[in-house]
Amino acid sequence: MPEPTEQEIRERAHELWEQAGKPEGREDEFWHAAEQELRNQNKSNPMRTPDTL
C-alpha cells in the first residue's frame, strides 16, 4: 500500500478531533495520530509482499 495521502490524513485527523470534543490548539497532535494510524493500517494489510514493505 502506498503512504497515506495528505487528504486521507486530514480527514482522519478531523474525525479524531471531533471525537475528542474539538479541543483547540491540538492540531499537530491529531495530525500525527491520524498519520500513524493510517500508516499502521497499511502495514497490517494482508496483501503485503516484500515489494510493498
Protein backbone atom coordinates (compact mmCIF):
# COMPACT_ATOMS: atom_id res chain seq x y z
CA MET A 1 0.00 0.00 0.00
CA PRO A 2 1.22 3.49 -0.69
CA GLU A 3 1.73 6.02 2.06
CA PRO A 4 -1.47 7.76 3.16
CA THR A 5 -2.20 10.92 1.23
CA GLU A 6 -2.36 14.33 2.84
CA GLN A 7 -6.12 14.35 2.23
CA GLU A 8 -6.60 10.98 3.95
CA ILE A 9 -4.58 12.17 6.95
CA ARG A 10 -6.51 15.45 7.08
CA GLU A 11 -9.88 13.65 7.04
CA ARG A 12 -8.87 11.16 9.74
CA ALA A 13 -7.33 13.90 11.89
CA HIS A 14 -10.59 15.83 11.66
CA GLU A 15 -12.56 12.74 12.73
CA LEU A 16 -10.26 12.20 15.72
CA TRP A 17 -10.51 15.90 16.65
CA GLU A 18 -14.33 15.78 16.55
CA GLN A 19 -14.40 12.58 18.62
CA ALA A 20 -12.21 14.28 21.24
CA GLY A 21 -14.68 17.15 21.61
CA LYS A 22 -12.98 19.61 19.21
CA PRO A 23 -10.25 20.87 21.56
CA GLU A 24 -8.39 23.98 20.45
CA GLY A 25 -4.64 24.16 19.88
CA ARG A 26 -4.00 20.44 19.37
CA GLU A 27 -3.96 20.23 15.58
CA ASP A 28 -0.47 18.74 15.40
CA GLU A 29 -1.36 16.05 17.91
CA PHE A 30 -4.36 14.90 15.87
CA TRP A 31 -2.43 15.12 12.59
CA HIS A 32 0.35 12.88 13.93
CA ALA A 33 -2.12 10.42 15.46
CA ALA A 34 -4.03 10.14 12.18
CA GLU A 35 -0.84 9.75 10.17
CA GLN A 36 0.45 7.00 12.46
CA GLU A 37 -2.90 5.20 12.48
CA LEU A 38 -3.12 5.18 8.69
CA ARG A 39 0.48 4.03 8.28
CA ASN A 40 -0.05 1.20 10.77
CA GLN A 41 -3.23 0.24 8.96
CA ASN A 42 -1.25 -0.10 5.73
CA LYS A 43 1.36 -2.28 7.45
CA SER A 44 -1.27 -4.72 8.68
CA ASN A 45 -2.71 -5.21 5.20
CA PRO A 46 -2.81 -8.97 4.49
CA MET A 47 -1.86 -8.31 0.86
CA ARG A 48 1.65 -7.23 1.83
CA THR A 49 4.52 -8.63 -0.18
CA PRO A 50 8.25 -7.98 0.07
CA ASP A 51 7.81 -5.38 -2.66
CA THR A 52 5.29 -3.39 -0.60
CA LEU A 53 7.17 -3.37 2.70
